[in-house]
Amino acid sequence: MSLHGEEPISCRGCDAARAGYGAALEQEEGIGRRTFLIQTGVMAAIAALDACGSLGGADVTAPNIPANSTITISNYSSLATVGGVAMISLGGAPVAVVRTSTSDFIALSRVCPHQGGIVNLLHNDFVCPRHGATYDLTGQWIGGQRANNLHQYTTSYDSTSGILTIS
C-alpha cells in the first residue's frame, strides 16, 4: 500500500503468498494457449474430415447395388425421352437413372457425398435437403454447399431388348 507517493509496503508473507498463487494459476491452466489452439484446430479438422467420409472405409455415398442389376426402360415412362429421370431403388440403394441420349443412360447414387442426405429431383437438378448442395443431371456439383460429385455407376444399354444393366 502506498501513501502520498511512497513505495508500497510489502511483507515476506504477502510476497510468498502471491508467488504461490501465481504457481497455482499456472498449474490450474494445464496447457498453454498456443497448445490449446493447435489441438483444437487439429480436432476440428479431424471432425470435418470424418463428417465428409474422407477418413477411409466404405464409401457410404456409393452404396453397393446387386451386381449387374437390370431395369426394363419401357417400364419407366419418364425415361422415354432424352433428359428423362427415373428414381429407383436397387437392392435398397437409392439410384437415379438419367437418359442422356437415345441410346445412353447414366445411373447415379442419390446419396449426397457431403452429409449422406438423399438428393431429390427439383427443376431438372438434384438437391440435397440437408444442406442445399445442387447437382446437374450428370451428377456434377453445380451450387450450394460445396461437395463432391454424385457417384456414378457403370451402365450398359441393350437397345434391342430395352434392358439397362447397372453395376
N, C-alpha and C. Protein backbone atom coordinates (compact mmCIF):
# COMPACT_ATOMS: atom_id res chain seq x y z
N MET A 1 0.84 -1.16 0.00
CA MET A 1 0.00 0.00 0.00
C MET A 1 0.89 1.22 0.00
N SER A 2 0.47 2.27 -0.68
CA SER A 2 1.31 3.44 -0.83
C SER A 2 0.58 4.66 -0.30
N LEU A 3 1.30 5.51 0.43
CA LEU A 3 0.74 6.76 0.93
C LEU A 3 1.53 7.90 0.34
N HIS A 4 0.88 8.82 -0.32
CA HIS A 4 1.47 10.03 -0.85
C HIS A 4 2.77 9.78 -1.61
N GLY A 5 2.78 8.84 -2.58
CA GLY A 5 3.93 8.61 -3.44
C GLY A 5 5.02 7.77 -2.84
N GLU A 6 4.83 7.26 -1.64
CA GLU A 6 5.86 6.41 -1.05
C GLU A 6 5.83 5.03 -1.70
N GLU A 7 6.91 4.32 -1.60
CA GLU A 7 6.99 2.95 -2.11
C GLU A 7 5.97 2.09 -1.38
N PRO A 8 5.36 1.12 -2.10
CA PRO A 8 4.40 0.24 -1.45
C PRO A 8 5.09 -0.58 -0.37
N ILE A 9 4.33 -0.83 0.66
CA ILE A 9 4.83 -1.64 1.77
C ILE A 9 4.48 -3.08 1.47
N SER A 10 5.43 -3.96 1.64
CA SER A 10 5.12 -5.37 1.45
C SER A 10 5.81 -6.16 2.54
N CYS A 11 5.33 -7.37 2.69
CA CYS A 11 5.96 -8.24 3.67
C CYS A 11 6.30 -9.56 2.99
N ARG A 12 7.19 -10.27 3.60
CA ARG A 12 7.61 -11.54 3.01
C ARG A 12 6.45 -12.52 2.91
N GLY A 13 5.56 -12.51 3.84
CA GLY A 13 4.41 -13.42 3.84
C GLY A 13 3.51 -13.16 2.64
N CYS A 14 3.25 -11.85 2.38
CA CYS A 14 2.39 -11.50 1.23
C CYS A 14 3.07 -11.86 -0.07
N ASP A 15 4.38 -11.56 -0.18
CA ASP A 15 5.11 -11.88 -1.39
C ASP A 15 5.10 -13.38 -1.66
N ALA A 16 5.31 -14.17 -0.62
CA ALA A 16 5.31 -15.63 -0.77
C ALA A 16 3.92 -16.12 -1.18
N ALA A 17 2.89 -15.53 -0.60
CA ALA A 17 1.52 -15.94 -0.94
C ALA A 17 1.24 -15.62 -2.40
N ARG A 18 1.67 -14.40 -2.84
CA ARG A 18 1.45 -14.03 -4.24
C ARG A 18 2.20 -14.99 -5.17
N ALA A 19 3.42 -15.33 -4.84
CA ALA A 19 4.21 -16.25 -5.66
C ALA A 19 3.54 -17.62 -5.72
N GLY A 20 3.05 -18.09 -4.60
CA GLY A 20 2.35 -19.38 -4.57
C GLY A 20 1.07 -19.34 -5.37
N TYR A 21 0.37 -18.21 -5.35
CA TYR A 21 -0.87 -18.05 -6.11
C TYR A 21 -0.59 -18.11 -7.60
N GLY A 22 0.50 -17.45 -8.02
CA GLY A 22 0.87 -17.48 -9.44
C GLY A 22 1.21 -18.89 -9.89
N ALA A 23 1.93 -19.63 -9.06
CA ALA A 23 2.27 -21.01 -9.41
C ALA A 23 1.01 -21.86 -9.48
N ALA A 24 0.07 -21.60 -8.58
CA ALA A 24 -1.19 -22.35 -8.59
C ALA A 24 -1.97 -22.05 -9.88
N LEU A 25 -1.92 -20.79 -10.34
CA LEU A 25 -2.60 -20.44 -11.58
C LEU A 25 -2.00 -21.19 -12.76
N GLU A 26 -0.66 -21.27 -12.80
CA GLU A 26 -0.01 -21.98 -13.89
C GLU A 26 -0.38 -23.45 -13.90
N GLN A 27 -0.46 -24.06 -12.70
CA GLN A 27 -0.83 -25.47 -12.63
C GLN A 27 -2.29 -25.66 -13.03
N GLU A 28 -3.16 -24.72 -12.67
CA GLU A 28 -4.58 -24.83 -12.98
C GLU A 28 -4.82 -24.73 -14.48
N GLU A 29 -4.04 -23.92 -15.18
CA GLU A 29 -4.23 -23.74 -16.61
C GLU A 29 -3.96 -25.02 -17.38
N GLY A 30 -3.06 -25.85 -16.95
CA GLY A 30 -2.79 -27.12 -17.61
C GLY A 30 -1.93 -26.95 -18.85
N ILE A 31 -2.53 -26.53 -19.98
CA ILE A 31 -1.77 -26.35 -21.21
C ILE A 31 -1.79 -24.89 -21.60
N GLY A 32 -0.80 -24.51 -22.35
CA GLY A 32 -0.73 -23.13 -22.80
C GLY A 32 -1.77 -22.83 -23.88
N ARG A 33 -1.99 -21.57 -24.11
CA ARG A 33 -2.97 -21.11 -25.09
C ARG A 33 -2.63 -21.62 -26.49
N ARG A 34 -1.37 -21.52 -26.86
CA ARG A 34 -0.94 -21.96 -28.19
C ARG A 34 -1.21 -23.45 -28.39
N THR A 35 -0.83 -24.27 -27.40
CA THR A 35 -1.06 -25.71 -27.49
C THR A 35 -2.55 -26.01 -27.59
N PHE A 36 -3.35 -25.31 -26.79
CA PHE A 36 -4.81 -25.49 -26.82
C PHE A 36 -5.36 -25.18 -28.21
N LEU A 37 -4.95 -24.06 -28.79
CA LEU A 37 -5.45 -23.67 -30.11
C LEU A 37 -5.04 -24.66 -31.19
N ILE A 38 -3.80 -25.13 -31.13
CA ILE A 38 -3.33 -26.10 -32.12
C ILE A 38 -4.12 -27.41 -32.00
N GLN A 39 -4.28 -27.90 -30.77
CA GLN A 39 -5.01 -29.15 -30.58
C GLN A 39 -6.48 -29.01 -30.97
N THR A 40 -7.07 -27.87 -30.69
CA THR A 40 -8.46 -27.63 -31.07
C THR A 40 -8.59 -27.62 -32.59
N GLY A 41 -7.66 -26.97 -33.28
CA GLY A 41 -7.68 -26.93 -34.74
C GLY A 41 -7.54 -28.32 -35.35
N VAL A 42 -6.64 -29.11 -34.81
CA VAL A 42 -6.45 -30.48 -35.31
C VAL A 42 -7.72 -31.30 -35.10
N MET A 43 -8.33 -31.19 -33.93
CA MET A 43 -9.56 -31.95 -33.65
C MET A 43 -10.70 -31.49 -34.56
N ALA A 44 -10.79 -30.21 -34.83
CA ALA A 44 -11.85 -29.70 -35.73
C ALA A 44 -11.64 -30.23 -37.14
N ALA A 45 -10.39 -30.29 -37.59
CA ALA A 45 -10.10 -30.81 -38.93
C ALA A 45 -10.45 -32.29 -39.02
N ILE A 46 -10.12 -33.05 -37.99
CA ILE A 46 -10.46 -34.48 -37.97
C ILE A 46 -11.96 -34.67 -38.01
N ALA A 47 -12.69 -33.88 -37.22
CA ALA A 47 -14.15 -33.99 -37.20
C ALA A 47 -14.74 -33.64 -38.56
N ALA A 48 -14.21 -32.62 -39.21
CA ALA A 48 -14.72 -32.23 -40.53
C ALA A 48 -14.45 -33.32 -41.56
N LEU A 49 -13.26 -33.89 -41.55
CA LEU A 49 -12.95 -34.97 -42.49
C LEU A 49 -13.82 -36.19 -42.24
N ASP A 50 -14.04 -36.52 -40.97
CA ASP A 50 -14.86 -37.66 -40.64
C ASP A 50 -16.30 -37.44 -41.09
N ALA A 51 -16.81 -36.23 -40.92
CA ALA A 51 -18.18 -35.91 -41.34
C ALA A 51 -18.33 -36.03 -42.85
N CYS A 52 -17.29 -35.75 -43.58
CA CYS A 52 -17.33 -35.84 -45.04
C CYS A 52 -17.00 -37.23 -45.53
N GLY A 53 -16.70 -38.15 -44.63
CA GLY A 53 -16.38 -39.51 -45.04
C GLY A 53 -15.02 -39.64 -45.68
N SER A 54 -14.09 -38.74 -45.35
CA SER A 54 -12.79 -38.74 -46.00
C SER A 54 -11.71 -39.51 -45.25
N LEU A 55 -12.07 -40.24 -44.22
CA LEU A 55 -11.06 -40.94 -43.45
C LEU A 55 -10.93 -42.41 -43.86
N GLY A 56 -11.44 -42.79 -44.99
CA GLY A 56 -11.30 -44.16 -45.45
C GLY A 56 -12.52 -44.99 -45.12
N GLY A 57 -12.39 -46.28 -45.32
CA GLY A 57 -13.51 -47.18 -45.08
C GLY A 57 -14.43 -47.20 -46.29
N ALA A 58 -15.60 -47.79 -46.10
CA ALA A 58 -16.56 -47.92 -47.20
C ALA A 58 -17.09 -46.55 -47.60
N ASP A 59 -17.36 -46.40 -48.89
CA ASP A 59 -17.91 -45.15 -49.39
C ASP A 59 -19.42 -45.20 -49.22
N VAL A 60 -19.92 -44.57 -48.16
CA VAL A 60 -21.36 -44.62 -47.87
C VAL A 60 -22.16 -43.83 -48.89
N THR A 61 -21.51 -42.99 -49.67
CA THR A 61 -22.26 -42.22 -50.67
C THR A 61 -22.42 -43.00 -51.97
N ALA A 62 -21.79 -44.16 -52.04
CA ALA A 62 -21.93 -45.03 -53.20
C ALA A 62 -22.32 -46.41 -52.71
N PRO A 63 -23.56 -46.55 -52.23
CA PRO A 63 -23.95 -47.85 -51.67
C PRO A 63 -23.85 -48.96 -52.71
N ASN A 64 -23.50 -50.13 -52.23
CA ASN A 64 -23.41 -51.28 -53.12
C ASN A 64 -24.79 -51.61 -53.67
N ILE A 65 -24.81 -51.96 -54.92
CA ILE A 65 -26.03 -52.44 -55.55
C ILE A 65 -25.77 -53.86 -56.00
N PRO A 66 -26.80 -54.66 -56.18
CA PRO A 66 -26.58 -56.02 -56.67
C PRO A 66 -25.86 -55.99 -58.02
N ALA A 67 -24.87 -56.86 -58.18
CA ALA A 67 -24.09 -56.91 -59.42
C ALA A 67 -25.01 -57.13 -60.62
N ASN A 68 -24.74 -56.37 -61.66
CA ASN A 68 -25.48 -56.50 -62.92
C ASN A 68 -26.99 -56.39 -62.73
N SER A 69 -27.41 -55.40 -61.98
CA SER A 69 -28.84 -55.13 -61.82
C SER A 69 -29.39 -54.67 -63.16
N THR A 70 -30.61 -55.03 -63.47
CA THR A 70 -31.20 -54.63 -64.74
C THR A 70 -32.57 -53.98 -64.52
N ILE A 71 -32.88 -53.06 -65.43
CA ILE A 71 -34.23 -52.50 -65.48
C ILE A 71 -34.67 -52.47 -66.94
N THR A 72 -35.96 -52.60 -67.14
CA THR A 72 -36.53 -52.51 -68.48
C THR A 72 -36.97 -51.07 -68.67
N ILE A 73 -36.35 -50.38 -69.61
CA ILE A 73 -36.57 -48.96 -69.83
C ILE A 73 -38.05 -48.65 -70.10
N SER A 74 -38.72 -49.51 -70.84
CA SER A 74 -40.13 -49.25 -71.18
C SER A 74 -41.04 -49.24 -69.94
N ASN A 75 -40.57 -49.76 -68.82
CA ASN A 75 -41.36 -49.73 -67.58
C ASN A 75 -41.34 -48.36 -66.90
N TYR A 76 -40.52 -47.43 -67.40
CA TYR A 76 -40.38 -46.11 -66.80
C TYR A 76 -40.68 -45.05 -67.86
N SER A 77 -41.90 -44.54 -67.83
CA SER A 77 -42.32 -43.56 -68.84
C SER A 77 -41.45 -42.31 -68.81
N SER A 78 -40.89 -41.98 -67.65
CA SER A 78 -40.04 -40.79 -67.55
C SER A 78 -38.74 -40.95 -68.34
N LEU A 79 -38.37 -42.18 -68.69
CA LEU A 79 -37.14 -42.42 -69.45
C LEU A 79 -37.39 -42.53 -70.95
N ALA A 80 -38.61 -42.22 -71.39
CA ALA A 80 -38.95 -42.32 -72.81
C ALA A 80 -38.26 -41.25 -73.65
N THR A 81 -37.89 -40.13 -73.02
CA THR A 81 -37.25 -39.03 -73.77
C THR A 81 -35.89 -38.70 -73.17
N VAL A 82 -35.03 -38.12 -74.01
CA VAL A 82 -33.71 -37.67 -73.55
C VAL A 82 -33.91 -36.61 -72.46
N GLY A 83 -33.16 -36.75 -71.38
CA GLY A 83 -33.28 -35.85 -70.23
C GLY A 83 -34.24 -36.37 -69.18
N GLY A 84 -34.91 -37.48 -69.48
CA GLY A 84 -35.83 -38.08 -68.51
C GLY A 84 -35.08 -38.71 -67.35
N VAL A 85 -35.72 -38.72 -66.19
CA VAL A 85 -35.10 -39.24 -64.97
C VAL A 85 -36.06 -40.21 -64.29
N ALA A 86 -35.54 -41.34 -63.84
CA ALA A 86 -36.33 -42.28 -63.05
C ALA A 86 -35.63 -42.46 -61.71
N MET A 87 -36.37 -42.33 -60.63
CA MET A 87 -35.84 -42.55 -59.28
C MET A 87 -36.20 -43.98 -58.90
N ILE A 88 -35.18 -44.82 -58.70
CA ILE A 88 -35.41 -46.22 -58.42
C ILE A 88 -34.62 -46.66 -57.19
N SER A 89 -34.85 -47.88 -56.78
CA SER A 89 -34.08 -48.49 -55.70
C SER A 89 -33.52 -49.80 -56.21
N LEU A 90 -32.24 -50.00 -56.05
CA LEU A 90 -31.57 -51.24 -56.45
C LEU A 90 -30.96 -51.87 -55.22
N GLY A 91 -31.53 -52.97 -54.78
CA GLY A 91 -31.02 -53.62 -53.57
C GLY A 91 -31.10 -52.71 -52.36
N GLY A 92 -32.08 -51.83 -52.32
CA GLY A 92 -32.24 -50.90 -51.21
C GLY A 92 -31.46 -49.60 -51.37
N ALA A 93 -30.63 -49.51 -52.39
CA ALA A 93 -29.84 -48.30 -52.62
C ALA A 93 -30.62 -47.33 -53.51
N PRO A 94 -30.75 -46.06 -53.08
CA PRO A 94 -31.47 -45.07 -53.91
C PRO A 94 -30.62 -44.64 -55.10
N VAL A 95 -31.18 -44.80 -56.30
CA VAL A 95 -30.46 -44.53 -57.54
C VAL A 95 -31.33 -43.68 -58.45
N ALA A 96 -30.70 -42.80 -59.21
CA ALA A 96 -31.38 -42.03 -60.26
C ALA A 96 -30.82 -42.49 -61.60
N VAL A 97 -31.72 -42.82 -62.53
CA VAL A 97 -31.31 -43.18 -63.88
C VAL A 97 -31.71 -42.03 -64.78
N VAL A 98 -30.75 -41.54 -65.56
CA VAL A 98 -30.97 -40.39 -66.44
C VAL A 98 -30.69 -40.82 -67.88
N ARG A 99 -31.63 -40.50 -68.78
CA ARG A 99 -31.41 -40.78 -70.20
C ARG A 99 -30.66 -39.59 -70.79
N THR A 100 -29.43 -39.82 -71.27
CA THR A 100 -28.60 -38.73 -71.78
C THR A 100 -28.62 -38.62 -73.29
N SER A 101 -29.06 -39.68 -73.98
CA SER A 101 -29.23 -39.67 -75.44
C SER A 101 -30.19 -40.80 -75.78
N THR A 102 -30.43 -41.01 -77.06
CA THR A 102 -31.37 -42.07 -77.43
C THR A 102 -30.89 -43.45 -77.02
N SER A 103 -29.58 -43.63 -76.89
CA SER A 103 -29.06 -44.95 -76.54
C SER A 103 -28.12 -44.95 -75.33
N ASP A 104 -28.05 -43.84 -74.60
CA ASP A 104 -27.15 -43.76 -73.44
C ASP A 104 -27.90 -43.34 -72.18
N PHE A 105 -27.47 -43.96 -71.08
CA PHE A 105 -28.06 -43.67 -69.77
C PHE A 105 -26.93 -43.57 -68.76
N ILE A 106 -27.16 -42.83 -67.70
CA ILE A 106 -26.25 -42.84 -66.54
C ILE A 106 -27.08 -43.20 -65.32
N ALA A 107 -26.42 -43.83 -64.37
CA ALA A 107 -27.05 -44.18 -63.10
C ALA A 107 -26.23 -43.53 -61.99
N LEU A 108 -26.90 -42.78 -61.13
CA LEU A 108 -26.24 -42.02 -60.07
C LEU A 108 -26.74 -42.46 -58.70
N SER A 109 -25.82 -42.52 -57.75
CA SER A 109 -26.24 -42.70 -56.37
C SER A 109 -26.95 -41.42 -55.93
N ARG A 110 -28.07 -41.56 -55.24
CA ARG A 110 -28.78 -40.39 -54.74
C ARG A 110 -28.32 -40.01 -53.33
N VAL A 111 -27.27 -40.65 -52.83
CA VAL A 111 -26.74 -40.33 -51.51
C VAL A 111 -25.74 -39.19 -51.66
N CYS A 112 -26.03 -38.07 -51.00
CA CYS A 112 -25.17 -36.89 -51.09
C CYS A 112 -23.80 -37.18 -50.49
N PRO A 113 -22.72 -36.85 -51.20
CA PRO A 113 -21.38 -37.11 -50.69
C PRO A 113 -20.97 -36.23 -49.52
N HIS A 114 -21.74 -35.19 -49.20
CA HIS A 114 -21.35 -34.30 -48.10
C HIS A 114 -21.83 -34.82 -46.75
N GLN A 115 -23.13 -35.05 -46.62
CA GLN A 115 -23.66 -35.48 -45.32
C GLN A 115 -24.55 -36.71 -45.40
N GLY A 116 -24.62 -37.34 -46.56
CA GLY A 116 -25.37 -38.58 -46.67
C GLY A 116 -26.87 -38.42 -46.85
N GLY A 117 -27.34 -37.19 -47.09
CA GLY A 117 -28.77 -36.99 -47.35
C GLY A 117 -29.14 -37.59 -48.70
N ILE A 118 -30.41 -37.90 -48.89
CA ILE A 118 -30.87 -38.44 -50.16
C ILE A 118 -31.33 -37.29 -51.04
N VAL A 119 -30.63 -37.09 -52.16
CA VAL A 119 -30.96 -35.97 -53.05
C VAL A 119 -32.27 -36.24 -53.77
N ASN A 120 -32.99 -35.17 -54.04
CA ASN A 120 -34.27 -35.23 -54.74
C ASN A 120 -34.17 -34.44 -56.03
N LEU A 121 -35.02 -34.78 -56.98
CA LEU A 121 -35.07 -34.07 -58.25
C LEU A 121 -35.93 -32.82 -58.08
N LEU A 122 -35.37 -31.67 -58.47
CA LEU A 122 -36.08 -30.41 -58.37
C LEU A 122 -35.70 -29.54 -59.57
N HIS A 123 -36.65 -29.29 -60.46
CA HIS A 123 -36.41 -28.45 -61.65
C HIS A 123 -35.19 -28.89 -62.45
N ASN A 124 -35.11 -30.16 -62.79
CA ASN A 124 -34.01 -30.72 -63.59
C ASN A 124 -32.65 -30.65 -62.92
N ASP A 125 -32.62 -30.58 -61.61
CA ASP A 125 -31.39 -30.68 -60.83
C ASP A 125 -31.66 -31.60 -59.63
N PHE A 126 -30.60 -32.15 -59.08
CA PHE A 126 -30.71 -32.92 -57.84
C PHE A 126 -30.29 -31.99 -56.70
N VAL A 127 -31.08 -31.97 -55.62
CA VAL A 127 -30.80 -31.07 -54.50
C VAL A 127 -30.82 -31.87 -53.20
N CYS A 128 -29.81 -31.63 -52.36
CA CYS A 128 -29.74 -32.27 -51.05
C CYS A 128 -30.61 -31.49 -50.07
N PRO A 129 -31.55 -32.15 -49.40
CA PRO A 129 -32.40 -31.45 -48.45
C PRO A 129 -31.69 -31.07 -47.15
N ARG A 130 -30.54 -31.67 -46.88
CA ARG A 130 -29.83 -31.39 -45.63
C ARG A 130 -29.06 -30.07 -45.67
N HIS A 131 -28.44 -29.77 -46.81
CA HIS A 131 -27.59 -28.58 -46.83
C HIS A 131 -27.61 -27.82 -48.16
N GLY A 132 -28.45 -28.23 -49.09
CA GLY A 132 -28.64 -27.45 -50.32
C GLY A 132 -27.64 -27.65 -51.43
N ALA A 133 -26.77 -28.66 -51.34
CA ALA A 133 -25.87 -28.91 -52.47
C ALA A 133 -26.73 -29.24 -53.67
N THR A 134 -26.34 -28.73 -54.84
CA THR A 134 -27.11 -28.93 -56.05
C THR A 134 -26.22 -29.58 -57.11
N TYR A 135 -26.80 -30.55 -57.84
CA TYR A 135 -26.08 -31.32 -58.85
C TYR A 135 -26.88 -31.29 -60.14
N ASP A 136 -26.19 -31.27 -61.28
CA ASP A 136 -26.92 -31.34 -62.55
C ASP A 136 -27.31 -32.80 -62.81
N LEU A 137 -27.93 -33.05 -63.96
CA LEU A 137 -28.41 -34.39 -64.25
C LEU A 137 -27.30 -35.40 -64.54
N THR A 138 -26.06 -34.93 -64.65
CA THR A 138 -24.94 -35.86 -64.80
C THR A 138 -24.26 -36.13 -63.45
N GLY A 139 -24.79 -35.53 -62.40
CA GLY A 139 -24.23 -35.75 -61.06
C GLY A 139 -23.13 -34.79 -60.68
N GLN A 140 -22.84 -33.81 -61.52
CA GLN A 140 -21.79 -32.82 -61.23
C GLN A 140 -22.31 -31.76 -60.26
N TRP A 141 -21.51 -31.43 -59.25
CA TRP A 141 -21.88 -30.38 -58.29
C TRP A 141 -21.93 -29.05 -59.04
N ILE A 142 -23.02 -28.29 -58.85
CA ILE A 142 -23.14 -27.00 -59.54
C ILE A 142 -23.47 -25.84 -58.60
N GLY A 143 -23.73 -26.10 -57.34
CA GLY A 143 -24.02 -24.99 -56.43
C GLY A 143 -24.42 -25.44 -55.05
N GLY A 144 -24.66 -24.44 -54.19
CA GLY A 144 -25.00 -24.74 -52.80
C GLY A 144 -23.77 -25.16 -52.03
N GLN A 145 -23.97 -25.86 -50.93
CA GLN A 145 -22.86 -26.34 -50.10
C GLN A 145 -21.89 -27.14 -50.97
N ARG A 146 -20.63 -26.78 -50.91
CA ARG A 146 -19.61 -27.45 -51.73
C ARG A 146 -19.52 -28.92 -51.35
N ALA A 147 -19.53 -29.78 -52.35
CA ALA A 147 -19.46 -31.23 -52.13
C ALA A 147 -18.87 -31.89 -53.36
N ASN A 148 -18.48 -33.14 -53.22
CA ASN A 148 -18.01 -33.92 -54.36
C ASN A 148 -19.20 -34.22 -55.27
N ASN A 149 -18.91 -34.68 -56.48
CA ASN A 149 -19.96 -35.07 -57.40
C ASN A 149 -20.64 -36.34 -56.90
N LEU A 150 -21.86 -36.58 -57.39
CA LEU A 150 -22.57 -37.81 -57.04
C LEU A 150 -21.84 -38.99 -57.67
N HIS A 151 -21.88 -40.13 -56.98
CA HIS A 151 -21.24 -41.34 -57.50
C HIS A 151 -22.01 -41.83 -58.72
N GLN A 152 -21.27 -42.20 -59.76
CA GLN A 152 -21.89 -42.72 -60.98
C GLN A 152 -21.56 -44.20 -61.13
N TYR A 153 -22.60 -44.99 -61.34
CA TYR A 153 -22.44 -46.43 -61.57
C TYR A 153 -22.22 -46.68 -63.06
N THR A 154 -21.66 -47.82 -63.39
CA THR A 154 -21.45 -48.22 -64.77
C THR A 154 -22.77 -48.72 -65.35
N THR A 155 -23.06 -48.31 -66.58
CA THR A 155 -24.29 -48.75 -67.25
C THR A 155 -23.98 -49.33 -68.63
N SER A 156 -24.85 -50.21 -69.06
CA SER A 156 -24.76 -50.79 -70.39
C SER A 156 -26.19 -50.98 -70.89
N TYR A 157 -26.49 -50.44 -72.07
CA TYR A 157 -27.86 -50.49 -72.60
C TYR A 157 -27.93 -51.37 -73.84
N ASP A 158 -28.86 -52.32 -73.82
CA ASP A 158 -29.14 -53.17 -74.97
C ASP A 158 -30.40 -52.63 -75.62
N SER A 159 -30.24 -51.89 -76.72
CA SER A 159 -31.39 -51.25 -77.35
C SER A 159 -32.36 -52.25 -77.98
N THR A 160 -31.88 -53.43 -78.33
CA THR A 160 -32.76 -54.45 -78.91
C THR A 160 -33.77 -54.95 -77.89
N SER A 161 -33.29 -55.23 -76.67
CA SER A 161 -34.19 -55.73 -75.63
C SER A 161 -34.77 -54.60 -74.76
N GLY A 162 -34.15 -53.43 -74.83
CA GLY A 162 -34.59 -52.32 -73.99
C GLY A 162 -34.19 -52.48 -72.54
N ILE A 163 -33.15 -53.27 -72.29
CA ILE A 163 -32.68 -53.55 -70.93
C ILE A 163 -31.45 -52.72 -70.62
N LEU A 164 -31.47 -52.05 -69.47
CA LEU A 164 -30.32 -51.30 -68.97
C LEU A 164 -29.70 -52.09 -67.83
N THR A 165 -28.40 -52.39 -67.95
CA THR A 165 -27.68 -53.10 -66.90
C THR A 165 -26.86 -52.08 -66.12
N ILE A 166 -26.98 -52.15 -64.79
CA ILE A 166 -26.28 -51.21 -63.90
C ILE A 166 -25.42 -52.00 -62.94
N SER A 167 -24.15 -51.60 -62.84
CA SER A 167 -23.25 -52.30 -61.89
C SER A 167 -22.27 -51.34 -61.28
